[in-house]
PDB file of N, CA and C in Angstrom:
ATOM      1  N   MET A   1      95.021  97.406 110.674  1.00  0.00           N
ATOM      2  CA  MET A   1      95.434  98.723 110.258  1.00  0.00           C
ATOM      3  C   MET A   1      96.466  99.315 111.249  1.00  0.00           C
ATOM      4  N   GLN A   2      96.231  99.071 112.510  1.00  0.00           N
ATOM      5  CA  GLN A   2      97.135  99.601 113.547  1.00  0.00           C
ATOM      6  C   GLN A   2      98.518  98.946 113.413  1.00  0.00           C
ATOM      7  N   THR A   3      98.558  97.667 113.084  1.00  0.00           N
ATOM      8  CA  THR A   3      99.822  96.970 112.937  1.00  0.00           C
ATOM      9  C   THR A   3     100.625  97.566 111.782  1.00  0.00           C
ATOM     10  N   LEU A   4      99.966  97.875 110.662  1.00  0.00           N
ATOM     11  CA  LEU A   4     100.640  98.502 109.539  1.00  0.00           C
ATOM     12  C   LEU A   4     101.188  99.882 109.944  1.00  0.00           C
ATOM     13  N   GLU A   5     100.359 100.644 110.620  1.00  0.00           N
ATOM     14  CA  GLU A   5     100.801 101.970 111.059  1.00  0.00           C
ATOM     15  C   GLU A   5     102.006 101.880 111.993  1.00  0.00           C
ATOM     16  N   ASN A   6     101.934 100.953 112.947  1.00  0.00           N
ATOM     17  CA  ASN A   6     103.051 100.782 113.878  1.00  0.00           C
ATOM     18  C   ASN A   6     104.331 100.357 113.149  1.00  0.00           C
ATOM     19  N   ALA A   7     104.179  99.447 112.189  1.00  0.00           N
ATOM     20  CA  ALA A   7     105.340  98.979 111.429  1.00  0.00           C
ATOM     21  C   ALA A   7     105.966 100.118 110.636  1.00  0.00           C
ATOM     22  N   ALA A   8     105.141 100.933 110.020  1.00  0.00           N
ATOM     23  CA  ALA A   8     105.642 102.051 109.235  1.00  0.00           C
ATOM     24  C   ALA A   8     106.359 103.092 110.114  1.00  0.00           C
ATOM     25  N   LYS A   9     105.848 103.280 111.314  1.00  0.00           N
ATOM     26  CA  LYS A   9     106.512 104.194 112.257  1.00  0.00           C
ATOM     27  C   LYS A   9     107.831 103.624 112.746  1.00  0.00           C
ATOM     28  N   ALA A  10     107.837 102.354 113.071  1.00  0.00           N
ATOM     29  CA  ALA A  10     109.038 101.721 113.628  1.00  0.00           C
ATOM     30  C   ALA A  10     110.113 101.470 112.553  1.00  0.00           C
ATOM     31  N   TYR A  11     109.682 101.267 111.332  1.00  0.00           N
ATOM     32  CA  TYR A  11     110.617 100.964 110.237  1.00  0.00           C
ATOM     33  C   TYR A  11     110.319 101.866 109.046  1.00  0.00           C
ATOM     34  N   PRO A  12     110.873 103.073 109.083  1.00  0.00           N
ATOM     35  CA  PRO A  12     110.587 104.024 107.985  1.00  0.00           C
ATOM     36  C   PRO A  12     110.996 103.491 106.618  1.00  0.00           C
ATOM     37  N   GLY A  13     111.901 102.540 106.559  1.00  0.00           N
ATOM     38  CA  GLY A  13     112.325 101.963 105.294  1.00  0.00           C
ATOM     39  C   GLY A  13     111.460 100.806 104.825  1.00  0.00           C
ATOM     40  N   ILE A  14     110.258 100.710 105.355  1.00  0.00           N
ATOM     41  CA  ILE A  14     109.382  99.560 105.045  1.00  0.00           C
ATOM     42  C   ILE A  14     108.881  99.576 103.594  1.00  0.00           C
ATOM     43  N   ARG A  15     108.941 100.720 102.944  1.00  0.00           N
ATOM     44  CA  ARG A  15     108.492 100.813 101.560  1.00  0.00           C
ATOM     45  C   ARG A  15     109.197  99.765 100.714  1.00  0.00           C
ATOM     46  N   GLY A  16     108.413  99.005  99.962  1.00  0.00           N
ATOM     47  CA  GLY A  16     108.967  97.947  99.132  1.00  0.00           C
ATOM     48  C   GLY A  16     108.903  96.580  99.764  1.00  0.00           C
ATOM     49  N   ALA A  17     108.527  96.519 101.066  1.00  0.00           N
ATOM     50  CA  ALA A  17     108.409  95.218 101.733  1.00  0.00           C
ATOM     51  C   ALA A  17     107.252  94.405 101.134  1.00  0.00           C
ATOM     52  N   ILE A  18     107.303  93.143 101.329  1.00  0.00           N
ATOM     53  CA  ILE A  18     106.246  92.237 100.853  1.00  0.00           C
ATOM     54  C   ILE A  18     105.554  91.648 102.101  1.00  0.00           C
ATOM     55  N   ILE A  19     104.227  91.737 102.140  1.00  0.00           N
ATOM     56  CA  ILE A  19     103.481  91.150 103.257  1.00  0.00           C
ATOM     57  C   ILE A  19     102.657  90.009 102.732  1.00  0.00           C
ATOM     58  N   HIS A  20     102.795  88.850 103.343  1.00  0.00           N
ATOM     59  CA  HIS A  20     102.106  87.638 102.908  1.00  0.00           C
ATOM     60  C   HIS A  20     100.954  87.329 103.848  1.00  0.00           C
ATOM     61  N   SER A  21      99.827  86.977 103.281  1.00  0.00           N
ATOM     62  CA  SER A  21      98.653  86.654 104.131  1.00  0.00           C
ATOM     63  C   SER A  21      97.764  85.654 103.402  1.00  0.00           C
ATOM     64  N   ASP A  22      96.773  85.187 104.126  1.00  0.00           N
ATOM     65  CA  ASP A  22      95.766  84.389 103.492  1.00  0.00           C
ATOM     66  C   ASP A  22      94.719  85.347 102.893  1.00  0.00           C
ATOM     67  N   ARG A  23      93.603  84.815 102.432  1.00  0.00           N
ATOM     68  CA  ARG A  23      92.608  85.654 101.814  1.00  0.00           C
ATOM     69  C   ARG A  23      91.466  86.023 102.749  1.00  0.00           C
ATOM     70  N   GLY A  24      91.778  86.155 104.015  1.00  0.00           N
ATOM     71  CA  GLY A  24      90.773  86.569 104.980  1.00  0.00           C
ATOM     72  C   GLY A  24      90.238  87.950 104.682  1.00  0.00           C
ATOM     73  N   GLY A  25      89.014  88.194 105.149  1.00  0.00           N
ATOM     74  CA  GLY A  25      88.336  89.484 104.868  1.00  0.00           C
ATOM     75  C   GLY A  25      89.126  90.683 105.313  1.00  0.00           C
ATOM     76  N   GLN A  26      89.859  90.569 106.411  1.00  0.00           N
ATOM     77  CA  GLN A  26      90.628  91.713 106.884  1.00  0.00           C
ATOM     78  C   GLN A  26      91.757  92.078 105.914  1.00  0.00           C
ATOM     79  N   TYR A  27      92.268  91.085 105.148  1.00  0.00           N
ATOM     80  CA  TYR A  27      93.379  91.323 104.228  1.00  0.00           C
ATOM     81  C   TYR A  27      92.913  91.670 102.823  1.00  0.00           C
ATOM     82  N   THR A  28      91.662  91.391 102.495  1.00  0.00           N
ATOM     83  CA  THR A  28      91.148  91.693 101.157  1.00  0.00           C
ATOM     84  C   THR A  28      90.273  92.943 101.165  1.00  0.00           C
ATOM     85  N   SER A  29      90.048  93.552 102.314  1.00  0.00           N
ATOM     86  CA  SER A  29      89.213  94.724 102.375  1.00  0.00           C
ATOM     87  C   SER A  29      89.889  95.901 101.650  1.00  0.00           C
ATOM     88  N   GLN A  30      89.083  96.781 101.125  1.00  0.00           N
ATOM     89  CA  GLN A  30      89.603  97.944 100.420  1.00  0.00           C
ATOM     90  C   GLN A  30      90.409  98.826 101.379  1.00  0.00           C
ATOM     91  N   LEU A  31      89.964  98.921 102.633  1.00  0.00           N
ATOM     92  CA  LEU A  31      90.647  99.740 103.620  1.00  0.00           C
ATOM     93  C   LEU A  31      92.094  99.247 103.817  1.00  0.00           C
ATOM     94  N   TYR A  32      92.259  97.925 103.945  1.00  0.00           N
ATOM     95  CA  TYR A  32      93.577  97.330 104.123  1.00  0.00           C
ATOM     96  C   TYR A  32      94.426  97.521 102.886  1.00  0.00           C
ATOM     97  N   ARG A  33      93.866  97.277 101.723  1.00  0.00           N
ATOM     98  CA  ARG A  33      94.607  97.422 100.469  1.00  0.00           C
ATOM     99  C   ARG A  33      95.061  98.876 100.263  1.00  0.00           C
ATOM    100  N   ASP A  34      94.206  99.812 100.642  1.00  0.00           N
ATOM    101  CA  ASP A  34      94.594 101.225 100.517  1.00  0.00           C
ATOM    102  C   ASP A  34      95.764 101.520 101.471  1.00  0.00           C
ATOM    103  N   ALA A  35      95.728 100.941 102.670  1.00  0.00           N
ATOM    104  CA  ALA A  35      96.790 101.192 103.648  1.00  0.00           C
ATOM    105  C   ALA A  35      98.126 100.635 103.183  1.00  0.00           C
ATOM    106  N   ILE A  36      98.144  99.406 102.656  1.00  0.00           N
ATOM    107  CA  ILE A  36      99.439  98.877 102.221  1.00  0.00           C
ATOM    108  C   ILE A  36      99.967  99.667 101.017  1.00  0.00           C
ATOM    109  N   ARG A  37      99.075 100.126 100.178  1.00  0.00           N
ATOM    110  CA  ARG A  37      99.499 100.955  99.048  1.00  0.00           C
ATOM    111  C   ARG A  37     100.106 102.254  99.550  1.00  0.00           C
ATOM    112  N   GLN A  38      99.467 102.841 100.560  1.00  0.00           N
ATOM    113  CA  GLN A  38      99.948 104.089 101.171  1.00  0.00           C
ATOM    114  C   GLN A  38     101.369 103.926 101.701  1.00  0.00           C
ATOM    115  N   TYR A  39     101.670 102.780 102.308  1.00  0.00           N
ATOM    116  CA  TYR A  39     102.988 102.529 102.883  1.00  0.00           C
ATOM    117  C   TYR A  39     103.965 101.920 101.865  1.00  0.00           C
ATOM    118  N   GLY A  40     103.526 101.706 100.653  1.00  0.00           N
ATOM    119  CA  GLY A  40     104.397 101.170  99.628  1.00  0.00           C
ATOM    120  C   GLY A  40     104.731  99.693  99.810  1.00  0.00           C
ATOM    121  N   ILE A  41     103.825  98.968 100.443  1.00  0.00           N
ATOM    122  CA  ILE A  41     104.018  97.533 100.703  1.00  0.00           C
ATOM    123  C   ILE A  41     103.336  96.735  99.605  1.00  0.00           C
ATOM    124  N   GLN A  42     103.989  95.667  99.194  1.00  0.00           N
ATOM    125  CA  GLN A  42     103.402  94.768  98.180  1.00  0.00           C
ATOM    126  C   GLN A  42     102.671  93.645  98.880  1.00  0.00           C
ATOM    127  N   GLN A  43     101.483  93.361  98.459  1.00  0.00           N
ATOM    128  CA  GLN A  43     100.670  92.296  99.053  1.00  0.00           C
ATOM    129  C   GLN A  43     100.864  90.980  98.311  1.00  0.00           C
ATOM    130  N   SER A  44     101.002  89.925  99.063  1.00  0.00           N
ATOM    131  CA  SER A  44     101.110  88.581  98.490  1.00  0.00           C
ATOM    132  C   SER A  44     100.126  87.684  99.242  1.00  0.00           C
ATOM    133  N   MET A  45      99.290  86.988  98.498  1.00  0.00           N
ATOM    134  CA  MET A  45      98.308  86.102  99.130  1.00  0.00           C
ATOM    135  C   MET A  45      98.375  84.717  98.493  1.00  0.00           C
ATOM    136  N   ASN A  46      98.012  83.722  99.286  1.00  0.00           N
ATOM    137  CA  ASN A  46      97.953  82.384  98.708  1.00  0.00           C
ATOM    138  C   ASN A  46      96.830  82.325  97.666  1.00  0.00           C
ATOM    139  N   SER A  47      96.963  81.405  96.747  1.00  0.00           N
ATOM    140  CA  SER A  47      96.019  81.388  95.623  1.00  0.00           C
ATOM    141  C   SER A  47      94.751  80.605  95.873  1.00  0.00           C
ATOM    142  N   ALA A  48      94.736  79.766  96.890  1.00  0.00           N
ATOM    143  CA  ALA A  48      93.620  78.837  97.026  1.00  0.00           C
ATOM    144  C   ALA A  48      92.570  79.295  98.060  1.00  0.00           C
ATOM    145  N   GLY A  49      92.803  80.373  98.721  1.00  0.00           N
ATOM    146  CA  GLY A  49      91.764  80.879  99.583  1.00  0.00           C
ATOM    147  C   GLY A  49      91.833  80.455 101.033  1.00  0.00           C
ATOM    148  N   GLY A  50      92.990  80.476 101.630  1.00  0.00           N
ATOM    149  CA  GLY A  50      93.072  80.369 103.067  1.00  0.00           C
ATOM    150  C   GLY A  50      93.425  79.021 103.670  1.00  0.00           C
ATOM    151  N   ARG A  51      93.978  78.132 102.900  1.00  0.00           N
ATOM    152  CA  ARG A  51      94.431  76.870 103.502  1.00  0.00           C
ATOM    153  C   ARG A  51      95.764  77.093 104.180  1.00  0.00           C
ATOM    154  N   CYS A  52      95.863  76.719 105.441  1.00  0.00           N
ATOM    155  CA  CYS A  52      97.085  76.991 106.190  1.00  0.00           C
ATOM    156  C   CYS A  52      98.288  76.276 105.607  1.00  0.00           C
ATOM    157  N   HIS A  53      98.084  75.139 104.962  1.00  0.00           N
ATOM    158  CA  HIS A  53      99.198  74.391 104.400  1.00  0.00           C
ATOM    159  C   HIS A  53      99.875  75.110 103.248  1.00  0.00           C
ATOM    160  N   ASP A  54      99.184  76.057 102.619  1.00  0.00           N
ATOM    161  CA  ASP A  54      99.776  76.829 101.541  1.00  0.00           C
ATOM    162  C   ASP A  54     100.967  77.613 102.030  1.00  0.00           C
ATOM    163  N   ASN A  55     100.935  78.063 103.267  1.00  0.00           N
ATOM    164  CA  ASN A  55     101.995  78.904 103.816  1.00  0.00           C
ATOM    165  C   ASN A  55     103.057  78.107 104.566  1.00  0.00           C
ATOM    166  N   ALA A  56     102.879  76.840 104.765  1.00  0.00           N
ATOM    167  CA  ALA A  56     103.763  76.052 105.637  1.00  0.00           C
ATOM    168  C   ALA A  56     105.214  76.079 105.153  1.00  0.00           C
ATOM    169  N   ARG A  57     105.438  75.853 103.877  1.00  0.00           N
ATOM    170  CA  ARG A  57     106.830  75.843 103.398  1.00  0.00           C
ATOM    171  C   ARG A  57     107.473  77.202 103.521  1.00  0.00           C
ATOM    172  N   CYS A  58     106.728  78.248 103.214  1.00  0.00           N
ATOM    173  CA  CYS A  58     107.279  79.586 103.312  1.00  0.00           C
ATOM    174  C   CYS A  58     107.591  79.924 104.766  1.00  0.00           C
ATOM    175  N   GLU A  59     106.682  79.607 105.671  1.00  0.00           N
ATOM    176  CA  GLU A  59     106.908  79.858 107.094  1.00  0.00           C
ATOM    177  C   GLU A  59     108.119  79.074 107.608  1.00  0.00           C
ATOM    178  N   SER A  60     108.235  77.827 107.150  1.00  0.00           N
ATOM    179  CA  SER A  60     109.359  77.006 107.546  1.00  0.00           C
ATOM    180  C   SER A  60     110.671  77.603 107.056  1.00  0.00           C
ATOM    181  N   MET A  61     110.691  78.074 105.830  1.00  0.00           N
ATOM    182  CA  MET A  61     111.883  78.709 105.290  1.00  0.00           C
ATOM    183  C   MET A  61     112.296  79.929 106.107  1.00  0.00           C
ATOM    184  N   TRP A  62     111.344  80.781 106.447  1.00  0.00           N
ATOM    185  CA  TRP A  62     111.661  81.961 107.246  1.00  0.00           C
ATOM    186  C   TRP A  62     112.144  81.589 108.623  1.00  0.00           C
ATOM    187  N   ALA A  63     111.533  80.568 109.228  1.00  0.00           N
ATOM    188  CA  ALA A  63     111.981  80.126 110.564  1.00  0.00           C
ATOM    189  C   ALA A  63     113.417  79.621 110.514  1.00  0.00           C
ATOM    190  N   ARG A  64     113.738  78.858 109.471  1.00  0.00           N
ATOM    191  CA  ARG A  64     115.120  78.347 109.328  1.00  0.00           C
ATOM    192  C   ARG A  64     116.084  79.483 109.131  1.00  0.00           C
ATOM    193  N   MET A  65     115.705  80.439 108.259  1.00  0.00           N
ATOM    194  CA  MET A  65     116.589  81.578 108.040  1.00  0.00           C
ATOM    195  C   MET A  65     116.857  82.349 109.312  1.00  0.00           C
ATOM    196  N   LYS A  66     115.817  82.584 110.113  1.00  0.00           N
ATOM    197  CA  LYS A  66     116.016  83.303 111.351  1.00  0.00           C
ATOM    198  C   LYS A  66     116.927  82.560 112.301  1.00  0.00           C
ATOM    199  N   SER A  67     116.717  81.267 112.440  1.00  0.00           N
ATOM    200  CA  SER A  67     117.559  80.510 113.407  1.00  0.00           C
ATOM    201  C   SER A  67     118.990  80.335 112.883  1.00  0.00           C
ATOM    202  N   GLU A  68     119.169  80.137 111.588  1.00  0.00           N
ATOM    203  CA  GLU A  68     120.515  79.926 111.043  1.00  0.00           C
ATOM    204  C   GLU A  68     121.302  81.233 110.855  1.00  0.00           C
ATOM    205  N   LEU A  69     120.572  82.305 110.541  1.00  0.00           N
ATOM    206  CA  LEU A  69     121.258  83.541 110.212  1.00  0.00           C
ATOM    207  C   LEU A  69     121.219  84.615 111.316  1.00  0.00           C
ATOM    208  N   LEU A  70     120.056  84.841 111.877  1.00  0.00           N
ATOM    209  CA  LEU A  70     119.901  86.007 112.712  1.00  0.00           C
ATOM    210  C   LEU A  70     120.077  85.752 114.197  1.00  0.00           C
ATOM    211  N   TYR A  71     119.368  84.793 114.762  1.00  0.00           N
ATOM    212  CA  TYR A  71     119.382  84.591 116.213  1.00  0.00           C
ATOM    213  C   TYR A  71     120.796  84.363 116.734  1.00  0.00           C
ATOM    214  N   ASP A  72     121.169  85.102 117.723  1.00  0.00           N
ATOM    215  CA  ASP A  72     122.464  85.029 118.390  1.00  0.00           C
ATOM    216  C   ASP A  72     123.646  85.420 117.494  1.00  0.00           C
ATOM    217  N   ARG A  73     123.369  85.971 116.321  1.00  0.00           N
ATOM    218  CA  ARG A  73     124.455  86.408 115.445  1.00  0.00           C
ATOM    219  C   ARG A  73     124.443  87.916 115.177  1.00  0.00           C
ATOM    220  N   TYR A  74     123.250  88.472 115.063  1.00  0.00           N
ATOM    221  CA  TYR A  74     123.119  89.907 114.760  1.00  0.00           C
ATOM    222  C   TYR A  74     122.140  90.516 115.749  1.00  0.00           C
ATOM    223  N   ASP A  75     122.415  91.773 116.103  1.00  0.00           N
ATOM    224  CA  ASP A  75     121.486  92.542 116.893  1.00  0.00           C
ATOM    225  C   ASP A  75     120.623  93.322 115.891  1.00  0.00           C
ATOM    226  N   THR A  76     119.552  92.725 115.459  1.00  0.00           N
ATOM    227  CA  THR A  76     118.735  93.357 114.404  1.00  0.00           C
ATOM    228  C   THR A  76     118.115  94.652 114.838  1.00  0.00           C
ATOM    229  N   GLU A  77     117.990  94.873 116.118  1.00  0.00           N
ATOM    230  CA  GLU A  77     117.432  96.151 116.612  1.00  0.00           C
ATOM    231  C   GLU A  77     118.411  97.303 116.325  1.00  0.00           C
ATOM    232  N   GLU A  78     119.693  96.972 116.204  1.00  0.00           N
ATOM    233  CA  GLU A  78     120.721  98.011 115.954  1.00  0.00           C
ATOM    234  C   GLU A  78     121.039  98.146 114.467  1.00  0.00           C
ATOM    235  N   MET A  79     120.493  97.289 113.636  1.00  0.00           N
ATOM    236  CA  MET A  79     120.778  97.329 112.197  1.00  0.00           C
ATOM    237  C   MET A  79     119.827  98.268 111.480  1.00  0.00           C
ATOM    238  N   THR A  80     120.326  98.852 110.407  1.00  0.00           N
ATOM    239  CA  THR A  80     119.428  99.630 109.538  1.00  0.00           C
ATOM    240  C   THR A  80     118.652  98.656 108.667  1.00  0.00           C
ATOM    241  N   THR A  81     117.580  99.125 108.079  1.00  0.00           N
ATOM    242  CA  THR A  81     116.792  98.287 107.196  1.00  0.00           C
ATOM    243  C   THR A  81     117.652  97.796 106.015  1.00  0.00           C
ATOM    244  N   GLU A  82     118.507  98.678 105.514  1.00  0.00           N
ATOM    245  CA  GLU A  82     119.364  98.313 104.368  1.00  0.00           C
ATOM    246  C   GLU A  82     120.379  97.247 104.770  1.00  0.00           C
ATOM    247  N   GLU A  83     120.965  97.349 105.972  1.00  0.00           N
ATOM    248  CA  GLU A  83     121.901  96.344 106.440  1.00  0.00           C
ATOM    249  C   GLU A  83     121.212  94.984 106.568  1.00  0.00           C
ATOM    250  N   LEU A  84     120.003  94.980 107.105  1.00  0.00           N
ATOM    251  CA  LEU A  84     119.272  93.737 107.282  1.00  0.00           C
ATOM    252  C   LEU A  84     118.891  93.137 105.922  1.00  0.00           C
ATOM    253  N   ARG A  85     118.446  93.975 105.000  1.00  0.00           N
ATOM    254  CA  ARG A  85     118.153  93.492 103.645  1.00  0.00           C
ATOM    255  C   ARG A  85     119.354  92.845 103.021  1.00  0.00           C
ATOM    256  N   THR A  86     120.531  93.452 103.166  1.00  0.00           N
ATOM    257  CA  THR A  86     121.755  92.934 102.558  1.00  0.00           C
ATOM    258  C   THR A  86     122.129  91.575 103.162  1.00  0.00           C
ATOM    259  N   VAL A  87     122.045  91.471 104.469  1.00  0.00           N
ATOM    260  CA  VAL A  87     122.390  90.195 105.148  1.00  0.00           C
ATOM    261  C   VAL A  87     121.413  89.092 104.688  1.00  0.00           C
ATOM    262  N   ILE A  88     120.147  89.385 104.629  1.00  0.00           N
ATOM    263  CA  ILE A  88     119.154  88.378 104.211  1.00  0.00           C
ATOM    264  C   ILE A  88     119.353  88.044 102.736  1.00  0.00           C
ATOM    265  N   TRP A  89     119.590  89.011 101.879  1.00  0.00           N
ATOM    266  CA  TRP A  89     119.803  88.780 100.458  1.00  0.00           C
ATOM    267  C   TRP A  89     121.014  87.850 100.277  1.00  0.00           C
ATOM    268  N   ARG A  90     122.090  88.137 100.937  1.00  0.00           N
ATOM    269  CA  ARG A  90     123.300  87.301 100.803  1.00  0.00           C
ATOM    270  C   ARG A  90     123.044  85.888 101.290  1.00  0.00           C
ATOM    271  N   TYR A  91     122.292  85.762 102.335  1.00  0.00           N
ATOM    272  CA  TYR A  91     121.953  84.447 102.882  1.00  0.00           C
ATOM    273  C   TYR A  91     121.246  83.610 101.829  1.00  0.00           C
ATOM    274  N   PHE A  92     120.218  84.168 101.219  1.00  0.00           N
ATOM    275  CA  PHE A  92     119.423  83.385 100.272  1.00  0.00           C
ATOM    276  C   PHE A  92     120.165  83.189  98.951  1.00  0.00           C
ATOM    277  N   VAL A  93     120.759  84.243  98.417  1.00  0.00           N
ATOM    278  CA  VAL A  93     121.399  84.154  97.091  1.00  0.00           C
ATOM    279  C   VAL A  93     122.632  83.294  97.148  1.00  0.00           C
ATOM    280  N   SER A  94     123.461  83.477  98.166  1.00  0.00           N
ATOM    281  CA  SER A  94     124.724  82.751  98.222  1.00  0.00           C
ATOM    282  C   SER A  94     124.582  81.415  98.938  1.00  0.00           C
ATOM    283  N   TYR A  95     124.123  81.451 100.189  1.00  0.00           N
ATOM    284  CA  TYR A  95     124.109  80.227 101.009  1.00  0.00           C
ATOM    285  C   TYR A  95     122.930  79.328 100.688  1.00  0.00           C
ATOM    286  N   TRP A  96     121.698  79.797 100.818  1.00  0.00           N
ATOM    287  CA  TRP A  96     120.510  78.962 100.691  1.00  0.00           C
ATOM    288  C   TRP A  96     120.472  78.291  99.318  1.00  0.00           C
ATOM    289  N   ASN A  97     120.682  79.026  98.254  1.00  0.00           N
ATOM    290  CA  ASN A  97     120.578  78.462  96.930  1.00  0.00           C
ATOM    291  C   ASN A  97     121.765  77.599  96.513  1.00  0.00           C
ATOM    292  N   ASN A  98     122.943  77.926  96.978  1.00  0.00           N
ATOM    293  CA  ASN A  98     124.151  77.291  96.440  1.00  0.00           C
ATOM    294  C   ASN A  98     124.865  76.341  97.391  1.00  0.00           C
ATOM    295  N   ARG A  99     124.709  76.476  98.688  1.00  0.00           N
ATOM    296  CA  ARG A  99     125.485  75.666  99.603  1.00  0.00           C
ATOM    297  C   ARG A  99     124.677  74.918 100.644  1.00  0.00           C
ATOM    298  N   ARG A 100     123.510  75.413 100.994  1.00  0.00           N
ATOM    299  CA  ARG A 100     122.729  74.803 102.080  1.00  0.00           C
ATOM    300  C   ARG A 100     122.185  73.450 101.653  1.00  0.00           C
ATOM    301  N   ILE A 101     122.448  72.424 102.449  1.00  0.00           N
ATOM    302  CA  ILE A 101     121.956  71.101 102.164  1.00  0.00           C
ATOM    303  C   ILE A 101     120.440  71.066 102.402  1.00  0.00           C
ATOM    304  N   CYS A 102     119.712  70.485 101.447  1.00  0.00           N
ATOM    305  CA  CYS A 102     118.260  70.396 101.512  1.00  0.00           C
ATOM    306  C   CYS A 102     117.849  68.948 101.502  1.00  0.00           C
ATOM    307  N   SER A 103     117.252  68.495 102.559  1.00  0.00           N
ATOM    308  CA  SER A 103     116.859  67.063 102.633  1.00  0.00           C
ATOM    309  C   SER A 103     115.837  66.690 101.593  1.00  0.00           C
ATOM    310  N   ALA A 104     114.976  67.616 101.199  1.00  0.00           N
ATOM    311  CA  ALA A 104     113.984  67.333 100.168  1.00  0.00           C
ATOM    312  C   ALA A 104     114.614  67.141  98.763  1.00  0.00           C
ATOM    313  N   ASN A 105     115.861  67.579  98.624  1.00  0.00           N
ATOM    314  CA  ASN A 105     116.598  67.453  97.348  1.00  0.00           C
ATOM    315  C   ASN A 105     117.639  66.353  97.400  1.00  0.00           C
ATOM    316  N   GLY A 106     117.460  65.421  98.298  1.00  0.00           N
ATOM    317  CA  GLY A 106     118.467  64.344  98.405  1.00  0.00           C
ATOM    318  C   GLY A 106     119.771  64.818  98.977  1.00  0.00           C
ATOM    319  N   GLY A 107     119.725  65.848  99.832  1.00  0.00           N
ATOM    320  CA  GLY A 107     120.929  66.352 100.463  1.00  0.00           C
ATOM    321  C   GLY A 107     121.727  67.333  99.606  1.00  0.00           C
ATOM    322  N   LEU A 108     121.082  67.840  98.543  1.00  0.00           N
ATOM    323  CA  LEU A 108     121.783  68.768  97.656  1.00  0.00           C
ATOM    324  C   LEU A 108     121.198  70.168  97.783  1.00  0.00           C
ATOM    325  N   PRO A 109     122.018  71.198  97.561  1.00  0.00           N
ATOM    326  CA  PRO A 109     121.497  72.552  97.538  1.00  0.00           C
ATOM    327  C   PRO A 109     120.572  72.737  96.324  1.00  0.00           C
ATOM    328  N   PRO A 110     119.632  73.671  96.381  1.00  0.00           N
ATOM    329  CA  PRO A 110     118.681  73.851  95.285  1.00  0.00           C
ATOM    330  C   PRO A 110     119.328  74.064  93.902  1.00  0.00           C
ATOM    331  N   MET A 111     120.391  74.850  93.819  1.00  0.00           N
ATOM    332  CA  MET A 111     120.985  75.097  92.497  1.00  0.00           C
ATOM    333  C   MET A 111     121.632  73.860  91.911  1.00  0.00           C
ATOM    334  N   VAL A 112     122.189  72.998  92.752  1.00  0.00           N
ATOM    335  CA  VAL A 112     122.801  71.756  92.272  1.00  0.00           C
ATOM    336  C   VAL A 112     121.698  70.831  91.765  1.00  0.00           C
ATOM    337  N   LYS A 113     120.641  70.716  92.517  1.00  0.00           N
ATOM    338  CA  LYS A 113     119.516  69.873  92.112  1.00  0.00           C
ATOM    339  C   LYS A 113     118.897  70.398  90.805  1.00  0.00           C
ATOM    340  N   ARG A 114     118.738  71.680  90.693  1.00  0.00           N
ATOM    341  CA  ARG A 114     118.179  72.286  89.485  1.00  0.00           C
ATOM    342  C   ARG A 114     119.061  72.005  88.290  1.00  0.00           C
ATOM    343  N   GLN A 115     120.386  72.122  88.461  1.00  0.00           N
ATOM    344  CA  GLN A 115     121.309  71.843  87.366  1.00  0.00           C
ATOM    345  C   GLN A 115     121.239  70.383  86.948  1.00  0.00           C
ATOM    346  N   GLN A 116     121.115  69.481  87.916  1.00  0.00           N
ATOM    347  CA  GLN A 116     120.937  68.067  87.563  1.00  0.00           C
ATOM    348  C   GLN A 116     119.694  67.836  86.723  1.00  0.00           C
ATOM    349  N   TYR A 117     118.624  68.543  87.084  1.00  0.00           N
ATOM    350  CA  TYR A 117     117.381  68.441  86.327  1.00  0.00           C
ATOM    351  C   TYR A 117     117.581  68.898  84.887  1.00  0.00           C
ATOM    352  N   TYR A 118     118.196  70.054  84.712  1.00  0.00           N
ATOM    353  CA  TYR A 118     118.416  70.582  83.374  1.00  0.00           C
ATOM    354  C   TYR A 118     119.352  69.675  82.584  1.00  0.00           C
ATOM    355  N   ASP A 119     120.360  69.124  83.222  1.00  0.00           N
ATOM    356  CA  ASP A 119     121.246  68.168  82.553  1.00  0.00           C
ATOM    357  C   ASP A 119     120.490  66.917  82.083  1.00  0.00           C
ATOM    358  N   SER A 120     119.530  66.468  82.914  1.00  0.00           N
ATOM    359  CA  SER A 120     118.761  65.264  82.549  1.00  0.00           C
ATOM    360  C   SER A 120     117.841  65.577  81.345  1.00  0.00           C
ATOM    361  N   LEU A 121     117.356  66.792  81.232  1.00  0.00           N
ATOM    362  CA  LEU A 121     116.550  67.163  80.082  1.00  0.00           C
ATOM    363  C   LEU A 121     117.346  67.128  78.789  1.00  0.00           C
ATOM    364  N   LYS A 122     118.600  67.602  78.873  1.00  0.00           N
ATOM    365  CA  LYS A 122     119.488  67.598  77.734  1.00  0.00           C
ATOM    366  C   LYS A 122     119.752  66.159  77.266  1.00  0.00           C
ATOM    367  N   LYS A 123     119.977  65.282  78.240  1.00  0.00           N
ATOM    368  CA  LYS A 123     120.262  63.850  77.912  1.00  0.00           C
ATOM    369  C   LYS A 123     119.042  63.193  77.288  1.00  0.00           C
ATOM    370  N   ALA A 124     117.858  63.543  77.779  1.00  0.00           N
ATOM    371  CA  ALA A 124     116.612  62.948  77.264  1.00  0.00           C
ATOM    372  C   ALA A 124     116.310  63.393  75.867  1.00  0.00           C
ATOM    373  N   ALA A 125     116.776  64.580  75.507  1.00  0.00           N
ATOM    374  CA  ALA A 125     116.493  65.151  74.173  1.00  0.00           C
ATOM    375  C   ALA A 125     117.381  64.533  73.193  1.00  0.00           C
TER     376      ALA A 125
END
């Protein structure tokens, strides 16, 4: 609860943020749910009930984004919430989806791989 309160004080524009967690009792309690609702935060939880591997890909994605986009490039302490949202949005919509090479996709960006998939469906039909 204190973490939420501190975040709301430090970042007045936190309304609309998404907080991801496992299904631990501290995150499913009515007190916690009331608090995130009060601050306008959307809750996201894994579906299977607390397996750490459920969050691994998401955590890896955020770590990559931080190292590729933010660290040593922007002084996030000096940015407004809206500026930070814009930078992150552009990173994912433009770079991550369309240009970033993904080893799990055979070295192709996600949108290119997705288009190949849809093209293969058309050929199969």
